[in-house]
C-alpha atoms as a PDB file:
ATOM      1  CA  MET A   1     112.439 -72.178 -12.870  1.00  0.00           C
ATOM      2  CA  ASP A   2     109.222 -71.478 -11.036  1.00  0.00           C
ATOM      3  CA  VAL A   3     108.614 -69.645  -7.655  1.00  0.00           C
ATOM      4  CA  THR A   4     106.077 -71.089  -5.765  1.00  0.00           C
ATOM      5  CA  PHE A   5     105.211 -68.896  -2.753  1.00  0.00           C
ATOM      6  CA  TRP A   6     103.715 -70.916   0.244  1.00  0.00           C
ATOM      7  CA  GLY A   7     104.282 -68.490   2.998  1.00  0.00           C
ATOM      8  CA  THR A   8     104.984 -64.242   2.953  1.00  0.00           C
ATOM      9  CA  ARG A   9     104.217 -62.713   6.307  1.00  0.00           C
ATOM     10  CA  GLY A  10     106.795 -61.753   8.703  1.00  0.00           C
ATOM     11  CA  SER A  11     106.152 -62.359  12.336  1.00  0.00           C
ATOM     12  CA  ILE A  12     103.791 -64.711  13.745  1.00  0.00           C
ATOM     13  CA  ALA A  13     100.375 -64.520  11.819  1.00  0.00           C
ATOM     14  CA  SER A  14      97.516 -67.177  11.147  1.00  0.00           C
ATOM     15  CA  ALA A  15      95.185 -67.503   8.369  1.00  0.00           C
ATOM     16  CA  GLY A  16      91.666 -66.261   8.720  1.00  0.00           C
ATOM     17  CA  PRO A  17      89.256 -64.098   7.011  1.00  0.00           C
ATOM     18  CA  GLN A  18      90.950 -61.533   7.248  1.00  0.00           C
ATOM     19  CA  THR A  19      93.980 -62.817   5.545  1.00  0.00           C
ATOM     20  CA  GLN A  20      91.912 -65.457   2.703  1.00  0.00           C
ATOM     21  CA  ARG A  21      93.826 -64.173  -0.548  1.00  0.00           C
ATOM     22  CA  TYR A  22      97.307 -63.613   0.549  1.00  0.00           C
ATOM     23  CA  GLY A  23      97.693 -65.873   3.313  1.00  0.00           C
ATOM     24  CA  GLY A  24      98.788 -66.171   6.989  1.00  0.00           C
ATOM     25  CA  ASN A  25     101.050 -68.179   6.651  1.00  0.00           C
ATOM     26  CA  THR A  26     105.273 -67.033   7.721  1.00  0.00           C
ATOM     27  CA  ALA A  27     108.040 -66.908   5.518  1.00  0.00           C
ATOM     28  CA  ALA A  28     108.587 -69.799   2.381  1.00  0.00           C
ATOM     29  CA  VAL A  29     109.179 -70.007  -0.999  1.00  0.00           C
ATOM     30  CA  GLN A  30     109.715 -72.870  -3.248  1.00  0.00           C
ATOM     31  CA  VAL A  31     112.227 -72.352  -6.480  1.00  0.00           C
ATOM     32  CA  THR A  32     111.552 -75.401  -8.503  1.00  0.00           C
ATOM     33  CA  GLY A  33     114.348 -75.816 -11.649  1.00  0.00           C
ATOM     34  CA  SER A  34     113.827 -76.693 -14.912  1.00  0.00           C
ATOM     35  CA  ASP A  35     115.948 -80.111 -14.144  1.00  0.00           C
ATOM     36  CA  GLY A  36     113.933 -80.807 -10.945  1.00  0.00           C
ATOM     37  CA  THR A  37     115.909 -79.344  -8.655  1.00  0.00           C
ATOM     38  CA  ILE A  38     114.103 -77.728  -5.252  1.00  0.00           C
ATOM     39  CA  ILE A  39     115.331 -74.859  -3.171  1.00  0.00           C
ATOM     40  CA  VAL A  40     113.380 -73.689  -0.628  1.00  0.00           C
ATOM     41  CA  LEU A  41     114.036 -70.258   0.486  1.00  0.00           C
ATOM     42  CA  ASP A  42     112.912 -70.041   4.555  1.00  0.00           C
ATOM     43  CA  ALA A  43     111.334 -72.609   6.458  1.00  0.00           C
ATOM     44  CA  GLY A  44     108.289 -70.329   8.322  1.00  0.00           C
ATOM     45  CA  THR A  45     105.121 -72.330   9.075  1.00  0.00           C
ATOM     46  CA  GLY A  46     104.433 -72.030   5.141  1.00  0.00           C
ATOM     47  CA  ILE A  47     106.737 -75.070   5.084  1.00  0.00           C
ATOM     48  CA  ARG A  48     104.490 -77.204   5.673  1.00  0.00           C
ATOM     49  CA  GLU A  49     102.920 -76.780   2.346  1.00  0.00           C
ATOM     50  CA  ILE A  50     105.665 -78.006   0.284  1.00  0.00           C
ATOM     51  CA  ALA A  51     105.804 -81.248   1.868  1.00  0.00           C
ATOM     52  CA  GLY A  52     102.478 -82.146  -0.106  1.00  0.00           C
ATOM     53  CA  THR A  53     104.155 -81.298  -3.327  1.00  0.00           C
ATOM     54  CA  LEU A  54     107.359 -82.651  -3.749  1.00  0.00           C
ATOM     55  CA  PRO A  55     108.187 -85.835  -6.142  1.00  0.00           C
ATOM     56  CA  LEU A  56     107.952 -89.270  -4.570  1.00  0.00           C
ATOM     57  CA  ASN A  57     111.898 -90.386  -5.995  1.00  0.00           C
ATOM     58  CA  LEU A  58     113.156 -86.586  -4.027  1.00  0.00           C
ATOM     59  CA  ARG A  59     116.526 -87.815  -2.649  1.00  0.00           C
ATOM     60  CA  ARG A  60     117.489 -84.279  -1.831  1.00  0.00           C
ATOM     61  CA  ILE A  61     116.363 -80.871  -1.128  1.00  0.00           C
ATOM     62  CA  ASP A  62     118.271 -77.755   0.106  1.00  0.00           C
ATOM     63  CA  ILE A  63     116.561 -75.038   2.658  1.00  0.00           C
ATOM     64  CA  PHE A  64     118.548 -71.650   2.493  1.00  0.00           C
ATOM     65  CA  LEU A  65     117.730 -69.804   5.507  1.00  0.00           C
ATOM     66  CA  SER A  66     117.809 -66.002   5.267  1.00  0.00           C
ATOM     67  CA  HIS A  67     118.476 -65.552   8.999  1.00  0.00           C
ATOM     68  CA  LEU A  68     117.258 -67.116  11.850  1.00  0.00           C
ATOM     69  CA  HIS A  69     114.529 -65.032  13.951  1.00  0.00           C
ATOM     70  CA  MET A  70     111.407 -66.576  14.572  1.00  0.00           C
ATOM     71  CA  ASP A  71     109.329 -66.528  11.441  1.00  0.00           C
ATOM     72  CA  HIS A  72     112.105 -67.773   9.260  1.00  0.00           C
ATOM     73  CA  ILE A  73     112.760 -71.275  11.096  1.00  0.00           C
ATOM     74  CA  GLN A  74     109.577 -72.368  12.892  1.00  0.00           C
ATOM     75  CA  GLY A  75     108.299 -74.726  10.420  1.00  0.00           C
ATOM     76  CA  LEU A  76     111.464 -76.607  10.652  1.00  0.00           C
ATOM     77  CA  GLY A  77     110.237 -78.986  13.130  1.00  0.00           C
ATOM     78  CA  PHE A  78     107.511 -79.582  11.380  1.00  0.00           C
ATOM     79  CA  PHE A  79     108.621 -80.057   7.653  1.00  0.00           C
ATOM     80  CA  ALA A  80     107.810 -83.815   7.090  1.00  0.00           C
ATOM     81  CA  PRO A  81     110.889 -84.402   4.847  1.00  0.00           C
ATOM     82  CA  MET A  82     113.167 -83.888   7.801  1.00  0.00           C
ATOM     83  CA  PHE A  83     111.541 -87.434   8.740  1.00  0.00           C
ATOM     84  CA  MET A  84     112.586 -89.364   5.795  1.00  0.00           C
ATOM     85  CA  PRO A  85     115.382 -91.543   6.337  1.00  0.00           C
ATOM     86  CA  SER A  86     115.681 -91.460   2.678  1.00  0.00           C
ATOM     87  CA  LEU A  87     116.119 -88.160   2.081  1.00  0.00           C
ATOM     88  CA  ASP A  88     119.387 -85.364   2.073  1.00  0.00           C
ATOM     89  CA  VAL A  89     118.331 -82.638   4.060  1.00  0.00           C
ATOM     90  CA  HIS A  90     120.910 -79.366   3.531  1.00  0.00           C
ATOM     91  CA  LEU A  91     120.449 -76.668   5.465  1.00  0.00           C
ATOM     92  CA  TRP A  92     122.168 -73.284   4.585  1.00  0.00           C
ATOM     93  CA  GLY A  93     122.595 -70.479   6.739  1.00  0.00           C
ATOM     94  CA  PRO A  94     124.185 -67.092   7.556  1.00  0.00           C
ATOM     95  CA  PRO A  95     127.299 -67.656   9.073  1.00  0.00           C
ATOM     96  CA  SER A  96     127.954 -65.972  12.970  1.00  0.00           C
ATOM     97  CA  ALA A  97     131.637 -65.243  14.227  1.00  0.00           C
ATOM     98  CA  THR A  98     130.138 -66.125  18.072  1.00  0.00           C
ATOM     99  CA  LEU A  99     128.350 -69.322  17.001  1.00  0.00           C
ATOM    100  CA  ASP A 100     128.306 -72.531  14.255  1.00  0.00           C
ATOM    101  CA  LEU A 101     124.424 -73.086  12.580  1.00  0.00           C
ATOM    102  CA  ARG A 102     124.269 -76.133  14.350  1.00  0.00           C
ATOM    103  CA  ARG A 103     124.597 -74.619  17.646  1.00  0.00           C
ATOM    104  CA  ARG A 104     122.419 -71.484  17.000  1.00  0.00           C
ATOM    105  CA  LEU A 105     119.849 -73.941  15.248  1.00  0.00           C
ATOM    106  CA  THR A 106     119.829 -76.275  18.110  1.00  0.00           C
ATOM    107  CA  ARG A 107     118.025 -73.561  20.252  1.00  0.00           C
ATOM    108  CA  TYR A 108     115.321 -74.010  18.319  1.00  0.00           C
ATOM    109  CA  LEU A 109     115.217 -77.559  17.598  1.00  0.00           C
ATOM    110  CA  SER A 110     115.773 -78.974  21.286  1.00  0.00           C
ATOM    111  CA  PRO A 111     113.390 -79.357  24.573  1.00  0.00           C
ATOM    112  CA  PRO A 112     112.046 -77.350  25.695  1.00  0.00           C
ATOM    113  CA  LEU A 113     111.108 -75.600  22.720  1.00  0.00           C
ATOM    114  CA  PHE A 114     110.566 -78.519  20.722  1.00  0.00           C
ATOM    115  CA  PRO A 115     110.674 -82.040  21.816  1.00  0.00           C
ATOM    116  CA  ILE A 116     112.338 -83.619  19.038  1.00  0.00           C
ATOM    117  CA  ARG A 117     116.648 -82.961  18.834  1.00  0.00           C
ATOM    118  CA  LEU A 118     118.027 -81.933  15.643  1.00  0.00           C
ATOM    119  CA  ARG A 119     120.169 -85.005  15.756  1.00  0.00           C
ATOM    120  CA  ASP A 120     117.613 -87.201  16.065  1.00  0.00           C
ATOM    121  CA  LEU A 121     116.116 -86.234  13.023  1.00  0.00           C
ATOM    122  CA  ALA A 122     115.727 -89.500  10.785  1.00  0.00           C
ATOM    123  CA  SER A 123     116.404 -87.387   7.143  1.00  0.00           C
ATOM    124  CA  HIS A 124     120.327 -86.948   6.447  1.00  0.00           C
ATOM    125  CA  VAL A 125     121.222 -83.156   7.638  1.00  0.00           C
ATOM    126  CA  ALA A 126     123.856 -81.584   6.790  1.00  0.00           C
ATOM    127  CA  LEU A 127     124.634 -77.922   7.679  1.00  0.00           C
ATOM    128  CA  HIS A 128     127.015 -75.356   5.733  1.00  0.00           C
ATOM    129  CA  ASN A 129     127.307 -71.656   5.462  1.00  0.00           C
ATOM    130  CA  ALA A 130     125.503 -69.728   3.024  1.00  0.00           C
ATOM    131  CA  PRO A 131     128.341 -69.336   0.178  1.00  0.00           C
ATOM    132  CA  ASP A 132     130.323 -67.063   0.174  1.00  0.00           C
ATOM    133  CA  GLY A 133     130.076 -66.501  -3.311  1.00  0.00           C
ATOM    134  CA  SER A 134     127.742 -68.866  -4.953  1.00  0.00           C
ATOM    135  CA  VAL A 135     127.134 -72.845  -5.196  1.00  0.00           C
ATOM    136  CA  ARG A 136     125.312 -74.858  -7.521  1.00  0.00           C
ATOM    137  CA  ILE A 137     122.497 -77.373  -6.938  1.00  0.00           C
ATOM    138  CA  GLY A 138     121.540 -79.170  -9.772  1.00  0.00           C
ATOM    139  CA  GLY A 139     120.970 -76.616 -12.375  1.00  0.00           C
ATOM    140  CA  LEU A 140     120.835 -73.686 -10.454  1.00  0.00           C
ATOM    141  CA  GLU A 141     123.404 -71.063  -9.261  1.00  0.00           C
ATOM    142  CA  VAL A 142     122.924 -69.617  -5.925  1.00  0.00           C
ATOM    143  CA  THR A 143     124.526 -66.568  -4.348  1.00  0.00           C
ATOM    144  CA  ALA A 144     124.637 -65.101  -0.893  1.00  0.00           C
ATOM    145  CA  ALA A 145     125.598 -61.604   0.510  1.00  0.00           C
ATOM    146  CA  GLU A 146     125.077 -60.365   3.833  1.00  0.00           C
ATOM    147  CA  VAL A 147     121.972 -57.165   4.099  1.00  0.00           C
ATOM    148  CA  ILE A 148     120.759 -54.968   6.823  1.00  0.00           C
ATOM    149  CA  HIS A 149     118.446 -56.747   9.398  1.00  0.00           C
ATOM    150  CA  PRO A 150     119.071 -57.354  12.663  1.00  0.00           C
ATOM    151  CA  GLY A 151     121.152 -60.213  13.294  1.00  0.00           C
ATOM    152  CA  PRO A 152     123.517 -62.466  10.748  1.00  0.00           C
ATOM    153  CA  THR A 153     121.352 -62.039   7.602  1.00  0.00           C
ATOM    154  CA  VAL A 154     121.650 -62.590   3.770  1.00  0.00           C
ATOM    155  CA  GLY A 155     119.980 -62.365   0.811  1.00  0.00           C
ATOM    156  CA  TYR A 156     119.729 -64.545  -2.187  1.00  0.00           C
ATOM    157  CA  ARG A 157     120.276 -64.654  -5.603  1.00  0.00           C
ATOM    158  CA  ILE A 158     119.555 -67.585  -8.256  1.00  0.00           C
ATOM    159  CA  ARG A 159     120.005 -67.956 -11.412  1.00  0.00           C
ATOM    160  CA  GLU A 160     119.067 -70.572 -14.168  1.00  0.00           C
ATOM    161  CA  ASN A 161     119.849 -70.469 -18.145  1.00  0.00           C
ATOM    162  CA  GLY A 162     120.460 -66.800 -18.065  1.00  0.00           C
ATOM    163  CA  ALA A 163     117.060 -65.929 -15.752  1.00  0.00           C
ATOM    164  CA  SER A 164     117.504 -64.473 -12.563  1.00  0.00           C
ATOM    165  CA  MET A 165     115.823 -63.789  -9.335  1.00  0.00           C
ATOM    166  CA  ALA A 166     116.863 -62.150  -5.745  1.00  0.00           C
ATOM    167  CA  TYR A 167     115.428 -63.029  -2.571  1.00  0.00           C
ATOM    168  CA  ILE A 168     116.008 -60.680   0.349  1.00  0.00           C
ATOM    169  CA  PRO A 169     112.611 -60.833   2.723  1.00  0.00           C
ATOM    170  CA  ASP A 170     113.975 -59.068   5.618  1.00  0.00           C
ATOM    171  CA  HIS A 171     115.792 -55.721   4.517  1.00  0.00           C
ATOM    172  CA  GLU A 172     116.355 -52.207   5.656  1.00  0.00           C
ATOM    173  CA  PRO A 173     118.189 -50.811   2.762  1.00  0.00           C
ATOM    174  CA  ALA A 174     117.508 -47.102   3.511  1.00  0.00           C
ATOM    175  CA  LEU A 175     119.623 -48.106   6.935  1.00  0.00           C
ATOM    176  CA  GLY A 176     122.764 -47.763   5.534  1.00  0.00           C
ATOM    177  CA  ASN A 177     123.391 -45.939   2.743  1.00  0.00           C
ATOM    178  CA  PRO A 178     122.148 -42.044   4.022  1.00  0.00           C
ATOM    179  CA  SER A 179     122.172 -41.192   0.697  1.00  0.00           C
ATOM    180  CA  PHE A 180     119.803 -44.171  -0.565  1.00  0.00           C
ATOM    181  CA  PRO A 181     118.275 -44.353  -3.277  1.00  0.00           C
ATOM    182  CA  ASN A 182     121.596 -43.027  -4.830  1.00  0.00           C
ATOM    183  CA  ARG A 183     124.880 -44.329  -4.782  1.00  0.00           C
ATOM    184  CA  GLY A 184     123.189 -48.009  -5.872  1.00  0.00           C
ATOM    185  CA  ALA A 185     126.893 -49.787  -5.130  1.00  0.00           C
ATOM    186  CA  TRP A 186     126.646 -48.435  -1.557  1.00  0.00           C
ATOM    187  CA  THR A 187     123.032 -49.641  -0.604  1.00  0.00           C
ATOM    188  CA  SER A 188     122.700 -53.357   0.910  1.00  0.00           C
ATOM    189  CA  GLY A 189     121.725 -56.161  -1.725  1.00  0.00           C
ATOM    190  CA  HIS A 190     122.433 -53.949  -4.681  1.00  0.00           C
ATOM    191  CA  GLU A 191     124.698 -56.097  -6.129  1.00  0.00           C
ATOM    192  CA  LEU A 192     122.152 -59.169  -5.289  1.00  0.00           C
ATOM    193  CA  ALA A 193     119.404 -57.663  -6.584  1.00  0.00           C
ATOM    194  CA  LYS A 194     120.665 -55.726 -10.087  1.00  0.00           C
ATOM    195  CA  ASP A 195     118.931 -56.279 -12.714  1.00  0.00           C
ATOM    196  CA  VAL A 196     116.594 -59.277 -11.991  1.00  0.00           C
ATOM    197  CA  ASP A 197     114.338 -60.748 -13.374  1.00  0.00           C
ATOM    198  CA  LEU A 198     112.074 -61.209  -9.994  1.00  0.00           C
ATOM    199  CA  LEU A 199     112.976 -59.348  -6.704  1.00  0.00           C
ATOM    200  CA  ILE A 200     111.330 -60.841  -3.858  1.00  0.00           C
ATOM    201  CA  HIS A 201     111.680 -58.191  -1.226  1.00  0.00           C
ATOM    202  CA  ASP A 202     110.589 -56.759   2.291  1.00  0.00           C
ATOM    203  CA  THR A 203     107.998 -54.559   1.577  1.00  0.00           C
ATOM    204  CA  GLN A 204     106.657 -54.759   5.441  1.00  0.00           C
ATOM    205  CA  TYR A 205     105.551 -50.694   6.506  1.00  0.00           C
ATOM    206  CA  PHE A 206     103.545 -47.976   5.376  1.00  0.00           C
ATOM    207  CA  PRO A 207     105.962 -44.881   5.228  1.00  0.00           C
ATOM    208  CA  ASP A 208     104.495 -43.430   8.584  1.00  0.00           C
ATOM    209  CA  GLU A 209     104.583 -46.683   9.858  1.00  0.00           C
ATOM    210  CA  ARG A 210     107.872 -47.011   9.102  1.00  0.00           C
ATOM    211  CA  LYS A 211     109.357 -43.899  11.039  1.00  0.00           C
ATOM    212  CA  THR A 212     108.346 -44.918  14.072  1.00  0.00           C
ATOM    213  CA  ARG A 213     110.109 -48.744  13.597  1.00  0.00           C
ATOM    214  CA  VAL A 214     113.542 -47.054  12.103  1.00  0.00           C
ATOM    215  CA  GLY A 215     115.901 -49.925  12.677  1.00  0.00           C
ATOM    216  CA  TRP A 216     113.609 -52.769  13.299  1.00  0.00           C
ATOM    217  CA  GLY A 217     114.815 -54.509   9.994  1.00  0.00           C
ATOM    218  CA  HIS A 218     111.660 -53.674   7.546  1.00  0.00           C
ATOM    219  CA  SER A 219     111.298 -51.487   4.290  1.00  0.00           C
ATOM    220  CA  SER A 220     108.534 -49.053   3.507  1.00  0.00           C
ATOM    221  CA  THR A 221     106.634 -49.412   0.305  1.00  0.00           C
ATOM    222  CA  ILE A 222     108.284 -46.290  -0.867  1.00  0.00           C
ATOM    223  CA  GLU A 223     111.740 -47.393  -0.038  1.00  0.00           C
ATOM    224  CA  ALA A 224     110.889 -51.615  -1.170  1.00  0.00           C
ATOM    225  CA  ALA A 225     109.603 -49.711  -4.991  1.00  0.00           C
ATOM    226  CA  ALA A 226     113.097 -47.542  -4.619  1.00  0.00           C
ATOM    227  CA  PHE A 227     115.373 -50.106  -4.042  1.00  0.00           C
ATOM    228  CA  ALA A 228     113.448 -52.083  -7.173  1.00  0.00           C
ATOM    229  CA  ARG A 229     114.229 -49.111  -9.658  1.00  0.00           C
ATOM    230  CA  GLN A 230     117.515 -48.531  -8.043  1.00  0.00           C
ATOM    231  CA  ALA A 231     118.346 -52.214  -8.862  1.00  0.00           C
ATOM    232  CA  GLY A 232     116.757 -52.371 -12.722  1.00  0.00           C
ATOM    233  CA  VAL A 233     114.989 -55.370 -11.885  1.00  0.00           C
ATOM    234  CA  ARG A 234     112.035 -56.324 -13.744  1.00  0.00           C
ATOM    235  CA  ARG A 235     109.349 -57.343 -11.761  1.00  0.00           C
ATOM    236  CA  LEU A 236     109.032 -57.151  -7.678  1.00  0.00           C
ATOM    237  CA  ALA A 237     107.054 -59.173  -5.650  1.00  0.00           C
ATOM    238  CA  ALA A 238     105.901 -57.339  -2.760  1.00  0.00           C
ATOM    239  CA  PHE A 239     106.626 -59.585   0.381  1.00  0.00           C
ATOM    240  CA  HIS A 240     107.396 -60.487   4.324  1.00  0.00           C
ATOM    241  CA  HIS A 241     103.679 -58.928   4.919  1.00  0.00           C
ATOM    242  CA  ASP A 242     102.617 -57.171   8.305  1.00  0.00           C
ATOM    243  CA  PRO A 243     100.737 -59.458  10.510  1.00  0.00           C
ATOM    244  CA  VAL A 244      98.257 -56.435  11.349  1.00  0.00           C
ATOM    245  CA  HIS A 245      97.369 -55.950   7.970  1.00  0.00           C
ATOM    246  CA  ASP A 246      94.393 -57.451   6.021  1.00  0.00           C
ATOM    247  CA  ASP A 247      94.037 -58.336   2.881  1.00  0.00           C
ATOM    248  CA  ALA A 248      92.070 -54.987   1.928  1.00  0.00           C
ATOM    249  CA  ALA A 249      95.460 -53.160   3.781  1.00  0.00           C
ATOM    250  CA  LEU A 250      97.508 -55.452   1.360  1.00  0.00           C
ATOM    251  CA  ASP A 251      95.744 -54.199  -1.614  1.00  0.00           C
ATOM    252  CA  ARG A 252      96.718 -51.012  -0.681  1.00  0.00           C
ATOM    253  CA  VAL A 253     100.069 -52.125  -0.213  1.00  0.00           C
ATOM    254  CA  VAL A 254     100.953 -53.248  -3.665  1.00  0.00           C
ATOM    255  CA  ALA A 255      99.221 -50.461  -5.177  1.00  0.00           C
ATOM    256  CA  GLU A 256     101.076 -48.303  -3.281  1.00  0.00           C
ATOM    257  CA  VAL A 257     104.674 -49.888  -4.196  1.00  0.00           C
ATOM    258  CA  ALA A 258     103.244 -49.865  -8.079  1.00  0.00           C
ATOM    259  CA  ASN A 259     102.320 -46.238  -7.856  1.00  0.00           C
ATOM    260  CA  ALA A 260     105.829 -45.806  -6.888  1.00  0.00           C
ATOM    261  CA  ALA A 261     108.099 -48.224  -9.066  1.00  0.00           C
ATOM    262  CA  ALA A 262     107.372 -47.069 -12.758  1.00  0.00           C
ATOM    263  CA  GLY A 263     108.302 -49.313 -15.086  1.00  0.00           C
ATOM    264  CA  ILE A 264     108.609 -52.296 -12.696  1.00  0.00           C
ATOM    265  CA  GLU A 265     105.649 -54.944 -12.808  1.00  0.00           C
ATOM    266  CA  VAL A 266     104.353 -55.164  -9.428  1.00  0.00           C
ATOM    267  CA  VAL A 267     102.768 -58.214  -7.501  1.00  0.00           C
ATOM    268  CA  GLY A 268     101.849 -58.851  -3.508  1.00  0.00           C
ATOM    269  CA  ALA A 269     102.795 -62.205  -2.809  1.00  0.00           C
ATOM    270  CA  ARG A 270     100.330 -64.523  -2.044  1.00  0.00           C
ATOM    271  CA  GLU A 271     100.212 -67.999  -1.115  1.00  0.00           C
ATOM    272  CA  GLY A 272      99.933 -70.889  -3.418  1.00  0.00           C
ATOM    273  CA  ALA A 273     100.916 -68.499  -6.535  1.00  0.00           C
ATOM    274  CA  THR A 274     103.426 -69.296  -9.362  1.00  0.00           C
ATOM    275  CA  ILE A 275     105.435 -67.353 -11.260  1.00  0.00           C
ATOM    276  CA  GLN A 276     107.273 -68.374 -13.853  1.00  0.00           C
ATOM    277  CA  VAL A 277     111.285 -66.937 -14.132  1.00  0.00           C
END
């Protein structure tokens, strides 16, 4: 499977000279299976770029949302395939004990926040709770599990032909395990990431920034590296870049993660880059 980054930032950000190399769009990652199956992870502003890459004969696309914070859904209304009558769009998101996925998404896709309602989209939209276990989409097997981040949030593990990846973009594993990074089984997201070939993980803060943001749901460079080591991953993509970090700062983020994650290949997620898993 191929993994392509179309949006790598957290919160609201815009591309400019300071982000020419890493990009300024919010979270959206495309996973393409060997059989042509396409899965999109999150629907930040980066999802707009995916529309122009899709095959003309595509009949189904699945969008797996990690959570419903605005930076992860704000691209939905601007994703051209949502307006294609010939396309089946399957939206997956974390379950909630209070409101179903449709009612929660409708808060955004309706006036006054958006002029078009979810029910008025031209595509055939089906909504699902993130799988409690695993679900097969074409040749891809997708597993979801809750992770620590404010509000209902899940991470995803995807497998194909013996290869595996995990996507945990907003995550604070140190918050739930007082012994972190020890006692891996007690750590949020551990089973999702265990032994994967590629882990895409939150690396939003430098350690000094994280000290003043405990409970905000994000990881420092050192914590992301510790989580990757604990899970035994082979490759780590530093993701969910802080919008105040320019390219130079993100180079430092990647270097700091790599120094703390000995034996693991570390890359910085950049818009337009593809990793083969």
